[in-house]
């Protein structure tokens, strides 16, 4: 597999490296989504209390 590194150059990855990187990225995206959901929920609760 080939993937662009941070400098924009192509690098060759093994299938295992590729899958490991994808898994890590998915976990980061999932955490960001959960954090955003918590912030939005907290904001809605405050709005309901004072609304």
Protein backbone atom coordinates (compact mmCIF):
# COMPACT_ATOMS: atom_id res chain seq x y z
CA UNK A 1 0.00 0.00 0.00
CA UNK A 2 1.12 3.55 -0.62
CA UNK A 3 0.26 6.55 1.49
CA UNK A 4 1.40 10.15 1.54
CA UNK A 5 3.42 11.07 4.59
CA UNK A 6 3.37 14.46 6.34
CA UNK A 7 5.83 15.93 3.82
CA UNK A 8 3.63 14.90 0.90
CA UNK A 9 5.90 12.12 -0.34
CA UNK A 10 4.60 8.64 -1.07
CA UNK A 11 5.72 5.92 1.29
CA UNK A 12 5.22 2.17 1.02
CA UNK A 13 3.32 0.59 3.91
CA UNK A 14 2.71 -3.02 4.75
CA UNK A 15 -0.91 -4.07 5.06
CA UNK A 16 -0.45 -4.36 8.84
CA UNK A 17 0.93 -0.80 9.09
CA UNK A 18 -1.90 0.53 6.95
CA UNK A 19 -4.59 -1.18 9.04
CA UNK A 20 -2.97 0.00 12.27
CA UNK A 21 -2.94 3.61 11.06
CA UNK A 22 -6.57 3.40 9.89
CA UNK A 23 -7.65 1.96 13.25
CA UNK A 24 -5.88 4.75 15.12
CA UNK A 25 -7.49 7.41 12.90
CA UNK A 26 -10.96 5.91 13.39
CA UNK A 27 -10.48 5.87 17.17
CA UNK A 28 -9.44 9.54 17.12
CA UNK A 29 -12.46 10.48 15.00
CA UNK A 30 -14.76 8.56 17.34
CA UNK A 31 -13.35 10.35 20.41
CA UNK A 32 -13.77 13.75 18.75
CA UNK A 33 -17.38 12.93 17.92
CA UNK A 34 -18.09 11.83 21.48
CA UNK A 35 -16.53 15.01 22.90
CA UNK A 36 -18.61 17.18 20.56
CA UNK A 37 -21.77 15.31 21.50
CA UNK A 38 -21.07 15.84 25.21
CA UNK A 39 -20.55 19.58 24.68
CA UNK A 40 -23.75 19.90 22.66
CA UNK A 41 -25.74 17.91 25.22
CA UNK A 42 -24.39 20.06 28.05
CA UNK A 43 -25.35 23.22 26.14
CA UNK A 44 -28.87 21.91 25.54
CA UNK A 45 -29.32 21.03 29.20
CA UNK A 46 -28.25 24.52 30.24
CA UNK A 47 -30.57 26.08 27.66
CA UNK A 48 -33.50 24.03 28.97
CA UNK A 49 -32.74 25.03 32.56
CA UNK A 50 -32.68 28.75 31.78
CA UNK A 51 -35.14 28.76 28.88
